[in-house]
Structures are given as structure tokens and as C-alpha cells.
Amino acid sequence: MIPWVQVFFFLHIGAAIVAFGPTFIFPLIGGMGGKEPVHVNFATRVSAAIERRVVIPVALTMPLSGIALIWTLPVDVLAPTSRWLLIGIAVYVFAIAFVFLVQDPRIHKVIEMTSRPPGPPAGDPLAGAPPVGGPPPAGGPPPALMAAVKKVQQGGATLGISLIIIFSMMIFKPGF
């Protein structure tokens, strides 16, 4: 006999680690890209690729293992003692919707804005290019780009807080 509860717990917790662990590295990647403006597009594309190829697909499997746990244990989701679960599910739904409707479009806007940097003067492809790891060009990045990056950072903070709430609900199961 297979202990299905353990299998579903393993799948659910494993998916949480694989899906959400990398998201805590996004600020590091973004910060490094911001310090080297010639690499900001690459850093943003790396984060977006991790999100599209790992975070979102694995995160979208979690409702399946969660439903399997609810069914296998069984858990009365509507019971007053299960409010923690409803809160966790609601925050998860909010976070997934936020990623698709708000954060992902913001990230792609930054990628688009940094995909076509102003070209060097004709004749010398390296003229005016800052050295790798050197200071940003005089005047810094355009204000529109900085505003877009700030929105991505704020969205990342919103999602980070959402994850902490979900983790807290699932680990501590507060009885309120």
C-alpha cells in the first residue's frame, strides 16, 4: 500500500521549494544587472526565463497536489479550523493572478526598453560604450526605464510578501 498522503506532501513541498526558491534570487540578479547597465537586459531576461520555465510551470502544479492532500487527509476546507488553508489558497490565487496580469507585463516592458540601447556613432562600433563593469553613461538611465524597474521591484516585493504569508499559513496553521 502506497502512503499517498506522504507522496502528495512530498510533491507539494517539493514543488514549493523548486518553484519559489529561485524567486528569492531575483533581487540579486536585478541588482547585479543594475550595477552594470550593459548587462541589465541580460539580467532581466535571465530572471524572466527562470520565471517562465521553472517558477510558473511548477507553481501551477501545486493546486493539484494540494487538492490531492485535501482529499486524501481529508480536510474540511470550510471548517473554522481551516481558515488558514483558505487564506493560503486565496493569497496563492492572488499571487498567480498578479504574476500574469501585472508583474509579467512589467518585466517584459523592461526587457523591451533595454533591448535596443542607443547605438554608437557610425563608423566606430565601440565609441561611447562604457567599459564592462564601468560606470553608467553620463546622465544615467532614462527616467522611464527607472520608473519601470521600480514597478518591477515593487511587484517583486508584493509577491515576496505573498509567499511569506502562504508559507506562514501552511507551516503554522494559525487557529483564528
C-alpha atoms as a PDB file:
ATOM      1  CA  MET A   1       0.000   0.000   0.000  1.00  0.00           C
ATOM      2  CA  ILE A   2       1.426   3.395  -1.025  1.00  0.00           C
ATOM      3  CA  PRO A   3       1.173   6.083   1.659  1.00  0.00           C
ATOM      4  CA  TRP A   4      -0.488   8.628  -0.654  1.00  0.00           C
ATOM      5  CA  VAL A   5      -0.521  11.411   1.935  1.00  0.00           C
ATOM      6  CA  GLN A   6       3.283  11.264   2.122  1.00  0.00           C
ATOM      7  CA  VAL A   7       3.582  11.193  -1.665  1.00  0.00           C
ATOM      8  CA  PHE A   8       1.318  14.241  -2.030  1.00  0.00           C
ATOM      9  CA  PHE A   9       3.137  16.092   0.782  1.00  0.00           C
ATOM     10  CA  PHE A  10       6.456  15.342  -0.922  1.00  0.00           C
ATOM     11  CA  LEU A  11       5.142  16.611  -4.271  1.00  0.00           C
ATOM     12  CA  HIS A  12       3.543  19.704  -2.750  1.00  0.00           C
ATOM     13  CA  ILE A  13       6.515  20.754  -0.621  1.00  0.00           C
ATOM     14  CA  GLY A  14       8.995  19.834  -3.336  1.00  0.00           C
ATOM     15  CA  ALA A  15       7.083  21.961  -5.830  1.00  0.00           C
ATOM     16  CA  ALA A  16       7.084  24.894  -3.395  1.00  0.00           C
ATOM     17  CA  ILE A  17      10.858  24.669  -2.993  1.00  0.00           C
ATOM     18  CA  VAL A  18      11.559  24.310  -6.712  1.00  0.00           C
ATOM     19  CA  ALA A  19       9.045  26.969  -7.782  1.00  0.00           C
ATOM     20  CA  PHE A  20       9.565  29.660  -5.188  1.00  0.00           C
ATOM     21  CA  GLY A  21      13.159  29.189  -4.079  1.00  0.00           C
ATOM     22  CA  PRO A  22      14.606  30.843  -7.192  1.00  0.00           C
ATOM     23  CA  THR A  23      12.363  33.893  -6.766  1.00  0.00           C
ATOM     24  CA  PHE A  24      14.374  34.983  -3.742  1.00  0.00           C
ATOM     25  CA  ILE A  25      17.417  35.322  -6.044  1.00  0.00           C
ATOM     26  CA  PHE A  26      15.714  37.709  -8.498  1.00  0.00           C
ATOM     27  CA  PRO A  27      16.656  40.822  -6.472  1.00  0.00           C
ATOM     28  CA  LEU A  28      20.308  39.717  -6.516  1.00  0.00           C
ATOM     29  CA  ILE A  29      20.240  39.208 -10.292  1.00  0.00           C
ATOM     30  CA  GLY A  30      18.475  42.541 -10.798  1.00  0.00           C
ATOM     31  CA  GLY A  31      20.892  44.368  -8.514  1.00  0.00           C
ATOM     32  CA  MET A  32      23.889  42.988 -10.358  1.00  0.00           C
ATOM     33  CA  GLY A  33      22.343  43.955 -13.693  1.00  0.00           C
ATOM     34  CA  GLY A  34      21.632  47.437 -12.379  1.00  0.00           C
ATOM     35  CA  LYS A  35      25.277  47.913 -11.403  1.00  0.00           C
ATOM     36  CA  GLU A  36      26.401  47.066 -14.930  1.00  0.00           C
ATOM     37  CA  PRO A  37      23.998  48.816 -17.303  1.00  0.00           C
ATOM     38  CA  VAL A  38      25.327  46.941 -20.335  1.00  0.00           C
ATOM     39  CA  HIS A  39      24.020  43.748 -18.677  1.00  0.00           C
ATOM     40  CA  VAL A  40      20.644  44.956 -17.411  1.00  0.00           C
ATOM     41  CA  ASN A  41      18.791  43.423 -20.356  1.00  0.00           C
ATOM     42  CA  PHE A  42      20.529  40.085 -19.935  1.00  0.00           C
ATOM     43  CA  ALA A  43      19.871  40.040 -16.176  1.00  0.00           C
ATOM     44  CA  THR A  44      16.195  40.818 -16.747  1.00  0.00           C
ATOM     45  CA  ARG A  45      15.900  38.157 -19.444  1.00  0.00           C
ATOM     46  CA  VAL A  46      17.543  35.564 -17.161  1.00  0.00           C
ATOM     47  CA  SER A  47      15.025  36.307 -14.403  1.00  0.00           C
ATOM     48  CA  ALA A  48      12.139  36.185 -16.891  1.00  0.00           C
ATOM     49  CA  ALA A  49      13.360  32.859 -18.308  1.00  0.00           C
ATOM     50  CA  ILE A  50      13.590  31.323 -14.817  1.00  0.00           C
ATOM     51  CA  GLU A  51      10.087  32.598 -14.106  1.00  0.00           C
ATOM     52  CA  ARG A  52       8.606  31.251 -17.372  1.00  0.00           C
ATOM     53  CA  ARG A  53      10.436  27.926 -17.483  1.00  0.00           C
ATOM     54  CA  VAL A  54      10.588  26.948 -13.798  1.00  0.00           C
ATOM     55  CA  VAL A  55       8.615  29.122 -11.381  1.00  0.00           C
ATOM     56  CA  ILE A  56       5.268  29.375 -13.185  1.00  0.00           C
ATOM     57  CA  PRO A  57       5.030  25.802 -14.540  1.00  0.00           C
ATOM     58  CA  VAL A  58       5.950  24.228 -11.204  1.00  0.00           C
ATOM     59  CA  ALA A  59       3.787  26.675  -9.208  1.00  0.00           C
ATOM     60  CA  LEU A  60       0.815  25.741 -11.391  1.00  0.00           C
ATOM     61  CA  THR A  61       1.174  22.081 -10.335  1.00  0.00           C
ATOM     62  CA  MET A  62       0.675  22.951  -6.674  1.00  0.00           C
ATOM     63  CA  PRO A  63      -3.130  23.132  -6.763  1.00  0.00           C
ATOM     64  CA  LEU A  64      -3.179  19.515  -7.960  1.00  0.00           C
ATOM     65  CA  SER A  65      -1.056  18.213  -5.101  1.00  0.00           C
ATOM     66  CA  GLY A  66      -2.924  20.498  -2.685  1.00  0.00           C
ATOM     67  CA  ILE A  67      -6.302  19.163  -3.783  1.00  0.00           C
ATOM     68  CA  ALA A  68      -4.934  15.630  -3.521  1.00  0.00           C
ATOM     69  CA  LEU A  69      -3.837  16.346   0.063  1.00  0.00           C
ATOM     70  CA  ILE A  70      -7.211  17.830   0.978  1.00  0.00           C
ATOM     71  CA  TRP A  71      -8.972  14.806  -0.480  1.00  0.00           C
ATOM     72  CA  THR A  72      -6.576  12.215   1.000  1.00  0.00           C
ATOM     73  CA  LEU A  73      -6.375  13.551   4.564  1.00  0.00           C
ATOM     74  CA  PRO A  74      -9.492  14.505   4.357  1.00  0.00           C
ATOM     75  CA  VAL A  75      -9.738  18.183   5.302  1.00  0.00           C
ATOM     76  CA  ASP A  76     -12.956  20.168   5.691  1.00  0.00           C
ATOM     77  CA  VAL A  77     -11.879  23.331   3.909  1.00  0.00           C
ATOM     78  CA  LEU A  78     -14.926  25.256   5.136  1.00  0.00           C
ATOM     79  CA  ALA A  79     -14.460  24.372   8.813  1.00  0.00           C
ATOM     80  CA  PRO A  80     -13.491  27.276  11.114  1.00  0.00           C
ATOM     81  CA  THR A  81     -10.286  25.415  11.989  1.00  0.00           C
ATOM     82  CA  SER A  82      -9.258  25.504   8.302  1.00  0.00           C
ATOM     83  CA  ARG A  83      -9.297  29.278   7.809  1.00  0.00           C
ATOM     84  CA  TRP A  84      -5.524  29.193   7.481  1.00  0.00           C
ATOM     85  CA  LEU A  85      -5.927  26.978   4.423  1.00  0.00           C
ATOM     86  CA  LEU A  86      -8.500  29.266   2.808  1.00  0.00           C
ATOM     87  CA  ILE A  87      -6.257  32.280   3.430  1.00  0.00           C
ATOM     88  CA  GLY A  88      -3.279  30.442   1.927  1.00  0.00           C
ATOM     89  CA  ILE A  89      -5.307  29.433  -1.134  1.00  0.00           C
ATOM     90  CA  ALA A  90      -6.684  32.969  -1.576  1.00  0.00           C
ATOM     91  CA  VAL A  91      -3.209  34.519  -1.382  1.00  0.00           C
ATOM     92  CA  TYR A  92      -1.900  31.895  -3.839  1.00  0.00           C
ATOM     93  CA  VAL A  93      -4.680  32.752  -6.322  1.00  0.00           C
ATOM     94  CA  PHE A  94      -3.928  36.468  -5.863  1.00  0.00           C
ATOM     95  CA  ALA A  95      -0.197  35.901  -6.426  1.00  0.00           C
ATOM     96  CA  ILE A  96      -0.683  33.822  -9.574  1.00  0.00           C
ATOM     97  CA  ALA A  97      -3.133  36.379 -10.995  1.00  0.00           C
ATOM     98  CA  PHE A  98      -0.725  39.194 -10.080  1.00  0.00           C
ATOM     99  CA  VAL A  99       2.121  37.454 -11.918  1.00  0.00           C
ATOM    100  CA  PHE A 100       0.128  37.014 -15.125  1.00  0.00           C
ATOM    101  CA  LEU A 101      -1.784  40.295 -15.112  1.00  0.00           C
ATOM    102  CA  VAL A 102       0.727  42.734 -13.589  1.00  0.00           C
ATOM    103  CA  GLN A 103       4.273  41.523 -12.973  1.00  0.00           C
ATOM    104  CA  ASP A 104       4.947  39.636 -16.204  1.00  0.00           C
ATOM    105  CA  PRO A 105       3.858  42.570 -18.415  1.00  0.00           C
ATOM    106  CA  ARG A 106       6.039  44.905 -16.334  1.00  0.00           C
ATOM    107  CA  ILE A 107       9.058  42.635 -16.739  1.00  0.00           C
ATOM    108  CA  HIS A 108       8.551  42.407 -20.483  1.00  0.00           C
ATOM    109  CA  LYS A 109       8.311  46.197 -20.661  1.00  0.00           C
ATOM    110  CA  VAL A 110      11.743  46.476 -19.016  1.00  0.00           C
ATOM    111  CA  ILE A 111      13.127  43.866 -21.422  1.00  0.00           C
ATOM    112  CA  GLU A 112      11.690  45.790 -24.368  1.00  0.00           C
ATOM    113  CA  MET A 113      13.036  49.119 -23.076  1.00  0.00           C
ATOM    114  CA  THR A 114      16.541  47.678 -22.665  1.00  0.00           C
ATOM    115  CA  SER A 115      16.624  45.625 -25.863  1.00  0.00           C
ATOM    116  CA  ARG A 116      17.562  48.486 -28.145  1.00  0.00           C
ATOM    117  CA  PRO A 117      20.067  50.717 -26.383  1.00  0.00           C
ATOM    118  CA  PRO A 118      21.117  53.832 -28.246  1.00  0.00           C
ATOM    119  CA  GLY A 119      23.613  52.828 -30.881  1.00  0.00           C
ATOM    120  CA  PRO A 120      27.207  54.044 -31.018  1.00  0.00           C
ATOM    121  CA  PRO A 121      28.219  56.696 -33.505  1.00  0.00           C
ATOM    122  CA  ALA A 122      28.535  55.463 -37.078  1.00  0.00           C
ATOM    123  CA  GLY A 123      31.949  54.144 -38.040  1.00  0.00           C
ATOM    124  CA  ASP A 124      33.211  53.052 -34.602  1.00  0.00           C
ATOM    125  CA  PRO A 125      31.107  50.286 -33.015  1.00  0.00           C
ATOM    126  CA  LEU A 126      32.809  50.727 -29.632  1.00  0.00           C
ATOM    127  CA  ALA A 127      32.837  54.512 -29.480  1.00  0.00           C
ATOM    128  CA  GLY A 128      30.969  55.818 -26.486  1.00  0.00           C
ATOM    129  CA  ALA A 129      30.416  52.358 -24.997  1.00  0.00           C
ATOM    130  CA  PRO A 130      31.158  52.199 -21.271  1.00  0.00           C
ATOM    131  CA  PRO A 131      33.746  49.635 -20.225  1.00  0.00           C
ATOM    132  CA  VAL A 132      32.342  46.386 -18.844  1.00  0.00           C
ATOM    133  CA  GLY A 133      31.776  46.887 -15.161  1.00  0.00           C
ATOM    134  CA  GLY A 134      32.413  50.595 -15.560  1.00  0.00           C
ATOM    135  CA  PRO A 135      30.207  53.460 -14.529  1.00  0.00           C
ATOM    136  CA  PRO A 136      26.932  54.087 -16.339  1.00  0.00           C
ATOM    137  CA  PRO A 137      26.906  56.666 -19.116  1.00  0.00           C
ATOM    138  CA  ALA A 138      26.621  60.284 -18.038  1.00  0.00           C
ATOM    139  CA  GLY A 139      23.086  61.163 -17.063  1.00  0.00           C
ATOM    140  CA  GLY A 140      22.220  57.597 -16.079  1.00  0.00           C
ATOM    141  CA  PRO A 141      19.354  55.502 -17.385  1.00  0.00           C
ATOM    142  CA  PRO A 142      16.254  57.171 -18.811  1.00  0.00           C
ATOM    143  CA  PRO A 143      13.634  58.112 -16.185  1.00  0.00           C
ATOM    144  CA  ALA A 144      11.006  55.945 -17.912  1.00  0.00           C
ATOM    145  CA  LEU A 145      13.243  52.893 -17.521  1.00  0.00           C
ATOM    146  CA  MET A 146      13.924  53.673 -13.880  1.00  0.00           C
ATOM    147  CA  ALA A 147      10.165  54.011 -13.259  1.00  0.00           C
ATOM    148  CA  ALA A 148       9.537  50.655 -14.971  1.00  0.00           C
ATOM    149  CA  VAL A 149      12.283  48.971 -12.932  1.00  0.00           C
ATOM    150  CA  LYS A 150      10.838  50.442  -9.718  1.00  0.00           C
ATOM    151  CA  LYS A 151       7.414  48.966 -10.586  1.00  0.00           C
ATOM    152  CA  VAL A 152       9.011  45.547 -11.151  1.00  0.00           C
ATOM    153  CA  GLN A 153      10.777  45.838  -7.790  1.00  0.00           C
ATOM    154  CA  GLN A 154       7.528  46.803  -6.050  1.00  0.00           C
ATOM    155  CA  GLY A 155       5.757  43.869  -7.700  1.00  0.00           C
ATOM    156  CA  GLY A 156       8.541  41.559  -6.584  1.00  0.00           C
ATOM    157  CA  ALA A 157       8.117  42.795  -3.023  1.00  0.00           C
ATOM    158  CA  THR A 158       4.363  42.198  -3.231  1.00  0.00           C
ATOM    159  CA  LEU A 159       4.956  38.648  -4.423  1.00  0.00           C
ATOM    160  CA  GLY A 160       7.618  38.049  -1.765  1.00  0.00           C
ATOM    161  CA  ILE A 161       5.202  39.138   0.970  1.00  0.00           C
ATOM    162  CA  SER A 162       2.532  36.909  -0.579  1.00  0.00           C
ATOM    163  CA  LEU A 163       4.882  33.920  -0.409  1.00  0.00           C
ATOM    164  CA  ILE A 164       5.743  34.630   3.215  1.00  0.00           C
ATOM    165  CA  ILE A 165       2.021  34.769   4.065  1.00  0.00           C
ATOM    166  CA  ILE A 166       1.371  31.497   2.241  1.00  0.00           C
ATOM    167  CA  PHE A 167       4.343  29.770   3.888  1.00  0.00           C
ATOM    168  CA  SER A 168       3.247  31.073   7.301  1.00  0.00           C
ATOM    169  CA  MET A 169      -0.289  29.768   6.813  1.00  0.00           C
ATOM    170  CA  MET A 170       0.918  26.349   5.672  1.00  0.00           C
ATOM    171  CA  ILE A 171       3.585  25.927   8.355  1.00  0.00           C
ATOM    172  CA  PHE A 172       1.965  27.439  11.448  1.00  0.00           C
ATOM    173  CA  LYS A 173      -1.719  26.772  10.614  1.00  0.00           C
ATOM    174  CA  PRO A 174      -2.942  29.576  12.893  1.00  0.00           C
ATOM    175  CA  GLY A 175      -6.285  28.854  14.520  1.00  0.00           C
ATOM    176  CA  PHE A 176      -8.138  32.105  14.140  1.00  0.00           C
END
